[in-house]
Amino acid sequence: MIQIDPQAYKGEHERNGAIGIWDRRTSSVHGLTFGEIVKMGSNKQKTVTLFHYRSLRLYIGLHLMCLCFCTVSMRTNLGMAMVCMVNATAFLAPTEHLNLSLETDPSKAVCANRELTFLDNSTAMSNAGYDGHLMWSPGMQSALYSATFYGSLITIFFSGYLADRYGPKYLIFFAISDYIIVTLLTPVLAEFNYYAFFIARIIMGLGEGFMAPTMASIAGLWFPPMERSTMAGMYTSGNQLAATFGMFISSKLCEAESIGGWYSIFYTFGLLGCLFAAIWMIFPSNSPNNNRWISDAEKAYLNEQMTHLAASKKSRGKVPWLALFTAPCMIANFLCQFAYNFMQTIMQSYLPTYFKDALMVDLRSNGIYTALPFLAQLISKNILGILSDRLKKAHLIHPTTACKLFQALCKILMRLCRVNINSVAAFCMSAIIPGFFTSLLSIAPSYTGTISSCSMIFGTFANIAAPNIIGGFIFKTGAPEEWSIIFYLTAGICAFTGCIFMIFASGEEQKWAKQVVVPADVEKQVNSN
């Protein structure tokens, strides 16, 4: 570490207006004149605010949002397409209680009454658009939802480390290319063979394992600490855009038999992914220091705000693996990641089925109702992210307090919401952005990709667990009682992890995560002497 020591020189050096710099690597003192120091200070550029038309990091964030929109759409549009792909009445509940005149058990009579109602409405469901021909049981459908997460479990272990070590740009391109290929092949594979489609979804998951860690890595390199909640809210808005507009567009394409029906869902989003993948290779870079589009003022500002940008690969120390998995603040974040992914998987994959089976909503309205909770998330997450950063910049709240406060809003208040108030619950859910998500970006900025990989391991387990628990143990007939169990289970997980976060979380860089960083301009001056 190089430190400026005004007392390092006496006598002649002091009279000449020199300042001493102690170099621990060589155990020697180097001199810089005050004129040189002033010149170095004069290179400080004016601040380039985030929301400015010349702010390249704003465009980087917006493009990350578009990539997030494309990848999440390509992964989750199967949830909406599924209601058009499968035979809606092929797997009805057993009908041993249909003879109401002989039934004396009131609970069974209610069950039988519901089955009769469902049978009476089976023709209406077909007329409403649920007239697919694929014979896939609810268990087979749940397996397809979780297949991508099996693939991501393979790559999630090392994707963040590769992003931190070699840069995230080309890894992101590889990931979205994987999504595009599988999405464009989906109609052919689904018609050809269920198991071929299942394997393809696992292959899609290989790219899924790269997306979150690499995007977090590039966010840690481009966005200063006081902008991370705002920017995290912005680029992760792609999730809600996919669930809002993606679901709505998918429902409309599903109805449009003239252009291929559910086939067109996958072709549309696959081609859209090609467009954004091409743009990604032109403008973004692994860091501001090697980007040809960034202004000198913004580059200087980012280097001043984030000293870890100056760290070279050689100066970067070993990853503190023990601390990553044993620090209480990390464990709290991992648990919150599990809860968030469990909840998000249910909302993205099962809401269309919930509206179809439990509420008997027609296809046209299904897309609208499914989109509403995610629209609430889209609006609230950006408002809460900006609010959190404004409070921190004004020194009205400590970074750790901010993370805990907003995470409490997410987890605790969601538990208090009634299950059927989907939009209110979604609003509270968005507080994870200035909550545990900002904590993940702040604890160890130099290892953001690696930390994100570790966190997403827990998230991936939740992604796998949610469909298997629901499809294997709870969701059998689609009865409202089954959905209540699902929602209350999710609320309980959220409340538990929220309490853990309130006790152990942190919003500051940890001591074990700090590196020895040599500012590039000072190091150059020292070496020249």
Protein backbone atom coordinates (compact mmCIF):
# COMPACT_ATOMS: atom_id res chain seq x y z
CA MET A 1 0.00 0.00 0.00
CA ILE A 2 1.40 3.46 -0.91
CA GLN A 3 0.78 6.21 1.61
CA ILE A 4 1.49 9.94 1.41
CA ASP A 5 3.54 11.08 4.42
CA PRO A 6 4.03 14.87 4.72
CA GLN A 7 6.68 14.32 7.43
CA ALA A 8 8.80 11.91 5.42
CA TYR A 9 11.16 14.61 4.21
CA LYS A 10 12.98 17.30 6.18
CA GLY A 11 15.52 19.98 5.41
CA GLU A 12 16.28 20.37 1.73
CA HIS A 13 13.28 18.34 0.52
CA GLU A 14 10.94 20.46 2.62
CA ARG A 15 12.48 23.69 1.31
CA ASN A 16 12.08 22.44 -2.25
CA GLY A 17 8.38 21.88 -1.63
CA ALA A 18 8.51 18.10 -1.85
CA ILE A 19 6.30 15.49 -0.26
CA GLY A 20 7.37 12.02 0.76
CA ILE A 21 5.72 8.84 -0.45
CA TRP A 22 6.61 5.64 1.38
CA ASP A 23 6.61 2.47 -0.75
CA ARG A 24 6.22 -0.61 1.43
CA ARG A 25 7.14 -2.92 -1.43
CA THR A 26 10.68 -1.49 -1.74
CA SER A 27 10.95 -0.04 1.79
CA SER A 28 12.03 3.27 0.29
CA VAL A 29 10.84 6.87 0.05
CA HIS A 30 10.08 8.61 -3.22
CA GLY A 31 9.58 12.32 -3.67
CA LEU A 32 6.92 14.28 -5.50
CA THR A 33 6.91 18.07 -5.65
CA PHE A 34 3.86 19.98 -4.52
CA GLY A 35 3.44 21.07 -8.11
CA GLU A 36 3.11 17.47 -9.19
CA ILE A 37 0.63 16.79 -6.42
CA VAL A 38 -1.43 19.83 -7.43
CA LYS A 39 -1.33 18.68 -11.03
CA MET A 40 -2.57 15.26 -9.97
CA GLY A 41 -5.40 16.90 -8.00
CA SER A 42 -6.33 19.14 -10.90
CA ASN A 43 -7.15 16.08 -12.97
CA LYS A 44 -10.29 15.58 -10.88
CA GLN A 45 -13.24 15.92 -13.21
CA LYS A 46 -16.70 17.24 -12.62
CA THR A 47 -19.20 14.71 -11.38
CA VAL A 48 -21.23 13.07 -14.13
CA THR A 49 -24.59 12.32 -12.54
CA LEU A 50 -26.28 9.01 -13.18
CA PHE A 51 -29.39 10.41 -14.85
CA HIS A 52 -27.58 12.46 -17.48
CA TYR A 53 -27.70 11.95 -21.22
CA ARG A 54 -23.88 11.66 -21.31
CA SER A 55 -23.77 9.08 -18.53
CA LEU A 56 -22.61 5.85 -20.14
CA ARG A 57 -23.27 3.88 -16.97
CA LEU A 58 -26.94 4.84 -17.33
CA TYR A 59 -27.01 3.22 -20.76
CA ILE A 60 -25.11 0.22 -19.40
CA GLY A 61 -27.81 -0.17 -16.74
CA LEU A 62 -30.61 0.17 -19.28
CA HIS A 63 -29.02 -2.42 -21.54
CA LEU A 64 -28.58 -4.80 -18.62
CA MET A 65 -32.30 -4.30 -18.00
CA CYS A 66 -33.06 -5.23 -21.62
CA LEU A 67 -30.90 -8.34 -21.39
CA CYS A 68 -32.60 -9.28 -18.14
CA PHE A 69 -35.97 -8.79 -19.82
CA CYS A 70 -35.01 -11.06 -22.72
CA THR A 71 -33.52 -13.88 -20.67
CA VAL A 72 -36.29 -13.94 -18.07
CA SER A 73 -38.91 -13.82 -20.84
CA MET A 74 -37.29 -16.72 -22.67
CA ARG A 75 -37.19 -18.75 -19.45
CA THR A 76 -40.61 -17.92 -17.98
CA ASN A 77 -42.84 -17.51 -21.03
CA LEU A 78 -43.28 -21.27 -20.83
CA GLY A 79 -45.60 -20.56 -17.88
CA MET A 80 -48.05 -18.69 -20.12
CA ALA A 81 -47.45 -20.89 -23.16
CA MET A 82 -48.11 -23.99 -21.08
CA VAL A 83 -51.80 -23.16 -20.64
CA CYS A 84 -52.08 -23.13 -24.44
CA MET A 85 -49.83 -26.11 -25.11
CA VAL A 86 -51.36 -28.78 -22.86
CA ASN A 87 -54.80 -30.37 -22.83
CA ALA A 88 -56.64 -28.49 -20.08
CA THR A 89 -59.06 -31.32 -19.22
CA ALA A 90 -56.89 -34.41 -19.71
CA PHE A 91 -55.79 -34.70 -16.09
CA LEU A 92 -58.86 -34.02 -13.96
CA ALA A 93 -59.13 -35.11 -10.36
CA PRO A 94 -60.58 -38.58 -9.62
CA THR A 95 -64.37 -38.53 -9.61
CA GLU A 96 -65.22 -41.14 -7.04
CA HIS A 97 -67.38 -38.61 -5.16
CA LEU A 98 -69.53 -37.47 -8.05
CA ASN A 99 -72.68 -39.24 -6.79
CA LEU A 100 -73.90 -36.45 -4.52
CA SER A 101 -77.10 -38.27 -3.58
CA LEU A 102 -75.09 -40.99 -1.80
CA GLU A 103 -72.52 -38.62 -0.26
CA THR A 104 -72.86 -37.80 3.44
CA ASP A 105 -69.44 -36.29 4.19
CA PRO A 106 -69.81 -32.50 3.74
CA SER A 107 -66.12 -32.05 2.89
CA LYS A 108 -66.34 -34.67 0.16
CA ALA A 109 -69.56 -33.13 -1.10
CA VAL A 110 -67.78 -29.81 -1.51
CA CYS A 111 -64.98 -31.55 -3.38
CA ALA A 112 -67.46 -33.33 -5.59
CA ASN A 113 -69.37 -30.15 -6.24
CA ARG A 114 -66.18 -28.47 -7.40
CA GLU A 115 -65.38 -31.40 -9.69
CA LEU A 116 -68.82 -31.19 -11.28
CA THR A 117 -68.34 -27.47 -11.79
CA PHE A 118 -64.96 -28.07 -13.38
CA LEU A 119 -66.39 -30.70 -15.72
CA ASP A 120 -69.28 -28.44 -16.67
CA ASN A 121 -66.81 -25.71 -17.54
CA SER A 122 -64.29 -27.85 -19.42
CA THR A 123 -65.87 -26.97 -22.75
CA ALA A 124 -65.92 -23.29 -21.83
CA MET A 125 -62.23 -23.50 -20.94
CA SER A 126 -61.47 -24.89 -24.36
CA ASN A 127 -63.45 -22.10 -25.96
CA ALA A 128 -61.54 -19.58 -23.82
CA GLY A 129 -58.26 -20.63 -25.42
CA TYR A 130 -57.09 -23.53 -23.23
CA ASP A 131 -57.28 -26.07 -26.03
CA GLY A 132 -53.74 -27.43 -26.28
CA HIS A 133 -53.03 -30.95 -27.44
CA LEU A 134 -49.88 -31.96 -25.53
CA MET A 135 -50.60 -34.64 -22.91
CA TRP A 136 -48.38 -33.44 -20.07
CA SER A 137 -49.46 -34.05 -16.48
CA PRO A 138 -49.04 -31.37 -13.76
CA GLY A 139 -45.98 -33.26 -12.54
CA MET A 140 -44.42 -33.20 -16.00
CA GLN A 141 -45.12 -29.48 -16.28
CA SER A 142 -43.48 -28.80 -12.91
CA ALA A 143 -40.42 -30.77 -14.03
CA LEU A 144 -40.07 -28.52 -17.08
CA TYR A 145 -40.24 -25.41 -14.89
CA SER A 146 -37.41 -26.68 -12.69
CA ALA A 147 -35.28 -28.12 -15.53
CA THR A 148 -33.48 -24.84 -16.22
CA PHE A 149 -32.44 -24.65 -12.60
CA TYR A 150 -30.82 -28.09 -12.77
CA GLY A 151 -28.63 -26.74 -15.56
CA SER A 152 -27.82 -23.54 -13.69
CA LEU A 153 -26.71 -25.58 -10.70
CA ILE A 154 -23.81 -26.84 -12.85
CA THR A 155 -22.45 -23.44 -13.92
CA ILE A 156 -23.42 -21.28 -10.95
CA PHE A 157 -20.48 -22.56 -8.89
CA PHE A 158 -17.78 -21.02 -11.07
CA SER A 159 -19.51 -18.37 -13.21
CA GLY A 160 -19.01 -15.54 -10.71
CA TYR A 161 -15.34 -16.38 -10.21
CA LEU A 162 -14.77 -16.36 -13.98
CA ALA A 163 -16.55 -13.00 -14.24
CA ASP A 164 -14.38 -11.45 -11.53
CA ARG A 165 -11.21 -12.95 -12.95
CA TYR A 166 -11.62 -12.53 -16.70
CA GLY A 167 -14.46 -10.04 -17.09
CA PRO A 168 -18.23 -10.56 -17.50
CA LYS A 169 -18.86 -9.17 -21.01
CA TYR A 170 -18.26 -12.29 -23.12
CA LEU A 171 -19.74 -14.56 -20.47
CA ILE A 172 -23.00 -12.62 -20.70
CA PHE A 173 -22.95 -13.00 -24.49
CA PHE A 174 -22.42 -16.75 -24.13
CA ALA A 175 -25.32 -17.01 -21.67
CA ILE A 176 -27.85 -15.12 -23.78
CA SER A 177 -26.78 -17.05 -26.90
CA ASP A 178 -27.60 -20.27 -25.07
CA TYR A 179 -31.05 -18.89 -24.21
CA ILE A 180 -31.68 -17.85 -27.81
CA ILE A 181 -30.81 -21.21 -29.36
CA VAL A 182 -32.98 -23.23 -26.97
CA THR A 183 -35.89 -20.78 -27.24
CA LEU A 184 -35.94 -20.89 -31.04
CA LEU A 185 -35.84 -24.70 -30.97
CA THR A 186 -38.59 -25.02 -28.34
CA PRO A 187 -41.61 -25.50 -30.69
CA VAL A 188 -39.84 -28.27 -32.59
CA LEU A 189 -38.58 -30.06 -29.48
CA ALA A 190 -41.88 -29.80 -27.60
CA GLU A 191 -43.74 -31.43 -30.49
CA PHE A 192 -41.04 -34.01 -31.08
CA ASN A 193 -40.54 -35.47 -27.60
CA TYR A 194 -41.13 -34.41 -24.02
CA TYR A 195 -37.77 -35.69 -22.81
CA ALA A 196 -35.88 -33.95 -25.61
CA PHE A 197 -37.55 -30.72 -24.54
CA PHE A 198 -36.70 -31.43 -20.90
CA ILE A 199 -33.00 -31.86 -21.77
CA ALA A 200 -33.07 -28.64 -23.82
CA ARG A 201 -34.42 -26.77 -20.80
CA ILE A 202 -31.51 -28.12 -18.74
CA ILE A 203 -29.11 -26.82 -21.41
CA MET A 204 -30.83 -23.42 -21.20
CA GLY A 205 -30.07 -23.54 -17.50
CA LEU A 206 -26.33 -23.60 -18.24
CA GLY A 207 -26.70 -20.02 -19.45
CA GLU A 208 -29.00 -19.20 -16.54
CA GLY A 209 -26.15 -19.99 -14.16
CA PHE A 210 -24.04 -17.24 -15.72
CA MET A 211 -26.57 -14.41 -15.90
CA ALA A 212 -27.02 -13.21 -12.31
CA PRO A 213 -23.33 -13.44 -11.24
CA THR A 214 -22.00 -11.79 -14.40
CA MET A 215 -24.56 -8.98 -14.30
CA ALA A 216 -23.78 -8.38 -10.62
CA SER A 217 -20.07 -8.37 -11.44
CA ILE A 218 -20.40 -5.72 -14.13
CA ALA A 219 -22.70 -3.70 -11.86
CA GLY A 220 -20.03 -3.71 -9.15
CA LEU A 221 -17.50 -2.35 -11.65
CA TRP A 222 -19.68 0.38 -13.13
CA PHE A 223 -21.83 1.79 -10.30
CA PRO A 224 -20.53 3.64 -7.20
CA PRO A 225 -21.81 2.62 -3.74
CA MET A 226 -24.29 5.49 -3.46
CA GLU A 227 -25.92 4.52 -6.78
CA ARG A 228 -26.18 0.78 -6.32
CA SER A 229 -29.71 0.60 -4.94
CA THR A 230 -30.95 2.84 -7.75
CA MET A 231 -29.12 0.93 -10.43
CA ALA A 232 -29.98 -2.48 -8.99
CA GLY A 233 -33.63 -1.46 -9.13
CA MET A 234 -33.20 -0.31 -12.71
CA TYR A 235 -31.44 -3.27 -14.29
CA THR A 236 -33.36 -5.91 -12.35
CA SER A 237 -36.57 -4.26 -13.59
CA GLY A 238 -36.09 -6.57 -16.55
CA ASN A 239 -37.57 -9.30 -14.36
CA GLN A 240 -40.79 -7.36 -13.88
CA LEU A 241 -40.90 -6.15 -17.49
CA ALA A 242 -40.69 -9.77 -18.57
CA ALA A 243 -43.43 -10.81 -16.17
CA THR A 244 -45.61 -7.78 -16.99
CA PHE A 245 -45.28 -7.12 -20.70
CA GLY A 246 -43.74 -10.48 -21.51
CA MET A 247 -46.69 -12.36 -20.01
CA PHE A 248 -49.19 -10.02 -21.64
CA ILE A 249 -47.54 -10.31 -25.06
CA SER A 250 -47.31 -14.08 -24.66
CA SER A 251 -51.03 -14.34 -23.91
CA LYS A 252 -51.86 -12.32 -27.03
CA LEU A 253 -49.53 -14.40 -29.20
CA CYS A 254 -51.04 -17.54 -27.73
CA GLU A 255 -54.48 -16.40 -28.93
CA ALA A 256 -53.22 -15.46 -32.41
CA GLU A 257 -53.58 -18.78 -34.20
CA SER A 258 -53.09 -17.02 -37.55
CA ILE A 259 -49.40 -16.44 -36.78
CA GLY A 260 -48.74 -19.77 -35.10
CA GLY A 261 -50.31 -19.49 -31.65
CA TRP A 262 -47.95 -20.55 -28.87
CA TYR A 263 -45.21 -21.24 -31.42
CA SER A 264 -44.91 -17.50 -32.06
CA ILE A 265 -44.17 -16.83 -28.37
CA PHE A 266 -40.80 -18.53 -28.60
CA TYR A 267 -39.90 -17.22 -32.05
CA THR A 268 -40.69 -13.63 -31.04
CA PHE A 269 -38.59 -13.58 -27.89
CA GLY A 270 -35.79 -15.58 -29.49
CA LEU A 271 -35.39 -13.00 -32.26
CA LEU A 272 -35.61 -10.16 -29.76
CA GLY A 273 -32.78 -11.77 -27.83
CA CYS A 274 -30.65 -11.82 -30.99
CA LEU A 275 -31.07 -8.05 -31.32
CA PHE A 276 -29.98 -7.21 -27.78
CA ALA A 277 -27.11 -9.72 -27.90
CA ALA A 278 -25.71 -7.92 -30.95
CA ILE A 279 -25.97 -4.51 -29.26
CA TRP A 280 -24.29 -5.90 -26.15
CA MET A 281 -21.12 -6.70 -28.09
CA ILE A 282 -20.78 -3.10 -29.33
CA PHE A 283 -21.17 -0.67 -26.41
CA PRO A 284 -20.56 -2.22 -22.95
CA SER A 285 -17.18 -3.29 -21.60
CA ASN A 286 -15.89 -5.10 -18.55
CA SER A 287 -15.06 -1.83 -16.78
CA PRO A 288 -15.03 1.93 -17.44
CA ASN A 289 -11.24 1.94 -17.85
CA ASN A 290 -11.31 -0.05 -21.09
CA ASN A 291 -14.41 1.43 -22.70
CA ARG A 292 -13.95 3.60 -25.79
CA TRP A 293 -17.36 5.29 -25.51
CA ILE A 294 -17.04 6.73 -21.99
CA SER A 295 -16.10 10.37 -21.42
CA ASP A 296 -12.93 11.28 -19.54
CA ALA A 297 -14.99 13.06 -16.89
CA GLU A 298 -17.13 10.03 -16.13
CA LYS A 299 -14.13 7.69 -16.14
CA ALA A 300 -12.27 9.91 -13.66
CA TYR A 301 -15.36 10.16 -11.46
CA LEU A 302 -15.86 6.39 -11.35
CA ASN A 303 -12.19 5.76 -10.57
CA GLU A 304 -12.38 8.28 -7.75
CA GLN A 305 -15.55 6.76 -6.30
CA MET A 306 -14.51 3.12 -6.62
CA THR A 307 -10.88 2.52 -5.74
CA HIS A 308 -11.20 -1.19 -6.46
CA LEU A 309 -11.33 -0.34 -10.17
CA ALA A 310 -7.63 0.41 -10.00
CA ALA A 311 -6.80 -3.07 -8.78
CA SER A 312 -5.15 -5.18 -11.42
CA LYS A 313 -5.50 -8.92 -11.69
CA LYS A 314 -2.03 -9.28 -10.22
CA SER A 315 -2.83 -7.23 -7.13
CA ARG A 316 -6.12 -8.99 -6.52
CA GLY A 317 -5.77 -11.36 -3.63
CA LYS A 318 -7.19 -14.81 -3.19
CA VAL A 319 -10.92 -15.13 -2.76
CA PRO A 320 -11.72 -15.28 0.99
CA TRP A 321 -13.78 -18.44 0.68
CA LEU A 322 -14.00 -19.16 4.40
CA ALA A 323 -15.41 -15.71 5.16
CA LEU A 324 -17.83 -15.92 2.24
CA PHE A 325 -19.55 -18.94 3.74
CA THR A 326 -19.17 -18.25 7.47
CA ALA A 327 -19.67 -14.50 7.90
CA PRO A 328 -23.07 -13.91 9.55
CA CYS A 329 -23.96 -11.15 7.08
CA MET A 330 -23.32 -13.54 4.18
CA ILE A 331 -25.45 -16.30 5.71
CA ALA A 332 -28.29 -13.80 6.17
CA ASN A 333 -28.03 -12.81 2.50
CA PHE A 334 -27.97 -16.42 1.35
CA LEU A 335 -31.16 -17.19 3.27
CA CYS A 336 -32.87 -14.12 1.81
CA GLN A 337 -31.81 -15.20 -1.68
CA PHE A 338 -33.42 -18.60 -1.09
CA ALA A 339 -36.67 -17.00 0.08
CA TYR A 340 -36.75 -14.52 -2.81
CA ASN A 341 -36.16 -17.15 -5.49
CA PHE A 342 -38.73 -19.47 -3.94
CA MET A 343 -41.32 -16.71 -4.01
CA GLN A 344 -40.35 -15.46 -7.48
CA THR A 345 -40.51 -18.95 -9.00
CA ILE A 346 -44.04 -19.43 -7.74
CA MET A 347 -45.16 -16.06 -9.10
CA GLN A 348 -43.52 -16.44 -12.51
CA SER A 349 -44.37 -20.07 -13.16
CA TYR A 350 -47.66 -20.70 -11.37
CA LEU A 351 -49.72 -17.52 -11.45
CA PRO A 352 -51.22 -18.27 -14.90
CA THR A 353 -52.15 -21.76 -13.68
CA TYR A 354 -53.59 -20.31 -10.46
CA PHE A 355 -55.85 -17.93 -12.36
CA LYS A 356 -56.91 -20.72 -14.71
CA ASP A 357 -57.56 -23.52 -12.21
CA ALA A 358 -58.58 -21.73 -9.00
CA LEU A 359 -60.29 -18.62 -10.38
CA MET A 360 -61.44 -19.94 -13.79
CA VAL A 361 -60.10 -16.86 -15.61
CA ASP A 362 -60.22 -16.90 -19.41
CA LEU A 363 -57.00 -16.68 -21.42
CA ARG A 364 -57.37 -13.03 -22.41
CA SER A 365 -57.83 -11.87 -18.81
CA ASN A 366 -55.21 -14.30 -17.53
CA GLY A 367 -52.37 -12.32 -19.09
CA ILE A 368 -53.64 -9.07 -17.57
CA TYR A 369 -54.16 -10.46 -14.06
CA THR A 370 -50.78 -12.21 -14.13
CA ALA A 371 -49.06 -8.98 -15.11
CA LEU A 372 -50.54 -6.77 -12.37
CA PRO A 373 -48.37 -7.94 -9.41
CA PHE A 374 -45.23 -7.56 -11.51
CA LEU A 375 -46.30 -4.10 -12.64
CA ALA A 376 -46.55 -3.13 -8.97
CA GLN A 377 -43.04 -4.48 -8.45
CA LEU A 378 -41.69 -2.60 -11.47
CA ILE A 379 -42.90 0.74 -10.15
CA SER A 380 -42.12 0.25 -6.47
CA LYS A 381 -38.61 -1.21 -6.79
CA ASN A 382 -37.33 1.85 -8.65
CA ILE A 383 -39.02 4.25 -6.23
CA LEU A 384 -37.63 2.43 -3.20
CA GLY A 385 -34.16 2.11 -4.73
CA ILE A 386 -33.92 5.84 -5.44
CA LEU A 387 -35.33 6.64 -1.99
CA SER A 388 -32.71 4.47 -0.30
CA ASP A 389 -29.81 6.08 -2.17
CA ARG A 390 -31.13 9.59 -1.49
CA LEU A 391 -31.36 8.87 2.24
CA LYS A 392 -27.80 7.53 2.27
CA LYS A 393 -26.38 10.43 0.25
CA ALA A 394 -28.01 12.90 2.65
CA HIS A 395 -26.49 10.95 5.59
CA LEU A 396 -29.95 10.54 7.06
CA ILE A 397 -29.53 6.80 7.36
CA HIS A 398 -26.60 4.40 7.67
CA PRO A 399 -26.10 1.96 4.74
CA THR A 400 -26.61 -1.05 7.01
CA THR A 401 -29.74 0.47 8.53
CA ALA A 402 -31.08 1.17 5.04
CA CYS A 403 -30.62 -2.45 3.98
CA LYS A 404 -32.30 -3.77 7.12
CA LEU A 405 -35.15 -1.28 6.97
CA PHE A 406 -36.15 -2.05 3.40
CA GLN A 407 -35.64 -5.78 3.81
CA ALA A 408 -37.97 -5.67 6.81
CA LEU A 409 -40.53 -3.89 4.65
CA CYS A 410 -40.25 -6.71 2.16
CA LYS A 411 -40.28 -9.78 4.37
CA ILE A 412 -42.28 -8.81 7.43
CA LEU A 413 -45.05 -6.81 5.75
CA MET A 414 -45.49 -9.48 3.09
CA ARG A 415 -46.28 -11.91 5.88
CA LEU A 416 -48.99 -9.54 7.14
CA CYS A 417 -50.60 -9.10 3.72
CA ARG A 418 -53.60 -11.21 2.92
CA VAL A 419 -52.72 -13.77 0.28
CA ASN A 420 -55.23 -12.47 -2.23
CA ILE A 421 -53.81 -8.93 -2.23
CA ASN A 422 -51.25 -9.81 -4.88
CA SER A 423 -50.33 -6.25 -5.87
CA VAL A 424 -49.72 -5.12 -2.26
CA ALA A 425 -47.53 -8.16 -1.62
CA ALA A 426 -45.63 -7.47 -4.84
CA PHE A 427 -45.04 -3.85 -3.77
CA CYS A 428 -43.50 -5.04 -0.50
CA MET A 429 -41.49 -7.69 -2.33
CA SER A 430 -39.68 -4.99 -4.33
CA ALA A 431 -37.97 -3.74 -1.18
CA ILE A 432 -35.42 -6.53 -1.57
CA ILE A 433 -33.56 -4.28 -4.04
CA PRO A 434 -32.45 -1.69 -1.44
CA GLY A 435 -32.44 -4.57 1.04
CA PHE A 436 -30.44 -7.76 0.69
CA PHE A 437 -29.62 -7.21 -3.00
CA THR A 438 -27.80 -3.94 -2.25
CA SER A 439 -26.11 -5.66 0.68
CA LEU A 440 -24.73 -8.30 -1.70
CA LEU A 441 -23.28 -5.59 -3.96
CA SER A 442 -21.76 -3.68 -1.03
CA ILE A 443 -20.20 -6.31 1.24
CA ALA A 444 -17.25 -7.09 -1.07
CA PRO A 445 -17.28 -5.03 -4.30
CA SER A 446 -14.08 -6.65 -5.60
CA TYR A 447 -15.66 -10.10 -5.38
CA THR A 448 -19.20 -9.22 -6.42
CA GLY A 449 -19.40 -11.90 -9.10
CA THR A 450 -18.12 -14.61 -6.78
CA ILE A 451 -20.48 -13.55 -4.00
CA SER A 452 -23.38 -13.50 -6.44
CA SER A 453 -22.52 -17.04 -7.53
CA CYS A 454 -22.49 -18.23 -3.92
CA SER A 455 -25.79 -16.50 -3.28
CA MET A 456 -27.37 -17.86 -6.43
CA ILE A 457 -26.47 -21.40 -5.39
CA PHE A 458 -29.00 -20.99 -2.61
CA GLY A 459 -31.38 -19.28 -5.03
CA THR A 460 -31.06 -22.16 -7.47
CA PHE A 461 -31.88 -24.67 -4.74
CA ALA A 462 -35.03 -22.62 -4.11
CA ASN A 463 -35.84 -22.58 -7.83
CA ILE A 464 -35.58 -26.36 -7.88
CA ALA A 465 -37.37 -26.88 -4.57
CA ALA A 466 -40.39 -24.70 -5.34
CA PRO A 467 -41.75 -26.67 -8.34
CA ASN A 468 -40.91 -30.02 -6.76
CA ILE A 469 -42.54 -29.22 -3.42
CA ILE A 470 -45.58 -27.75 -5.11
CA GLY A 471 -45.92 -30.34 -7.86
CA GLY A 472 -44.88 -33.34 -5.77
CA PHE A 473 -46.56 -32.75 -2.41
CA ILE A 474 -49.14 -29.97 -2.54
CA PHE A 475 -50.49 -29.27 -6.01
CA LYS A 476 -52.61 -32.25 -7.07
CA THR A 477 -55.99 -31.03 -8.31
CA GLY A 478 -55.66 -27.24 -8.38
CA ALA A 479 -58.17 -26.79 -5.54
CA PRO A 480 -58.18 -23.40 -3.75
CA GLU A 481 -57.20 -25.15 -0.52
CA GLU A 482 -53.98 -26.34 -2.14
CA TRP A 483 -53.14 -22.83 -3.30
CA SER A 484 -53.67 -21.51 0.23
CA ILE A 485 -51.09 -23.96 1.56
CA ILE A 486 -48.62 -22.81 -1.10
CA PHE A 487 -49.07 -19.14 -0.31
CA TYR A 488 -48.87 -19.54 3.47
CA LEU A 489 -45.74 -21.70 3.16
CA THR A 490 -44.10 -18.96 1.10
CA ALA A 491 -45.11 -16.28 3.60
CA GLY A 492 -43.60 -18.28 6.46
CA ILE A 493 -40.26 -18.65 4.66
CA CYS A 494 -40.18 -14.90 4.00
CA ALA A 495 -40.88 -14.01 7.64
CA PHE A 496 -38.18 -16.34 8.97
CA THR A 497 -35.43 -15.14 6.62
CA GLY A 498 -36.42 -11.52 7.21
CA CYS A 499 -35.84 -11.88 10.94
CA ILE A 500 -32.39 -13.42 10.38
CA PHE A 501 -31.46 -10.54 8.06
CA MET A 502 -32.52 -7.94 10.62
CA ILE A 503 -30.06 -9.39 13.13
CA PHE A 504 -26.94 -10.14 11.08
CA ALA A 505 -27.06 -8.07 7.86
CA SER A 506 -24.60 -5.36 6.80
CA GLY A 507 -24.54 -2.73 4.07
CA GLU A 508 -20.83 -1.88 4.27
CA GLU A 509 -17.67 -3.36 2.79
CA GLN A 510 -16.27 -5.96 5.17
CA LYS A 511 -12.69 -5.97 6.46
CA TRP A 512 -11.99 -9.40 5.00
CA ALA A 513 -13.08 -8.14 1.56
CA LYS A 514 -10.77 -5.12 1.33
CA GLN A 515 -7.81 -5.31 -1.01
CA VAL A 516 -4.46 -3.56 -1.11
CA VAL A 517 -4.97 -1.17 -3.99
CA VAL A 518 -2.34 1.05 -5.60
CA PRO A 519 -3.84 4.09 -7.37
CA ALA A 520 -2.72 3.94 -10.97
CA ASP A 521 -1.47 7.54 -11.26
CA VAL A 522 0.56 7.41 -8.03
CA GLU A 523 2.02 4.00 -8.87
CA LYS A 524 3.14 5.28 -12.27
CA GLN A 525 4.84 8.29 -10.67
CA VAL A 526 6.61 6.14 -8.08
CA ASN A 527 7.85 3.63 -10.64
CA SER A 528 9.22 6.41 -12.82
CA ASN A 529 11.35 7.63 -9.93
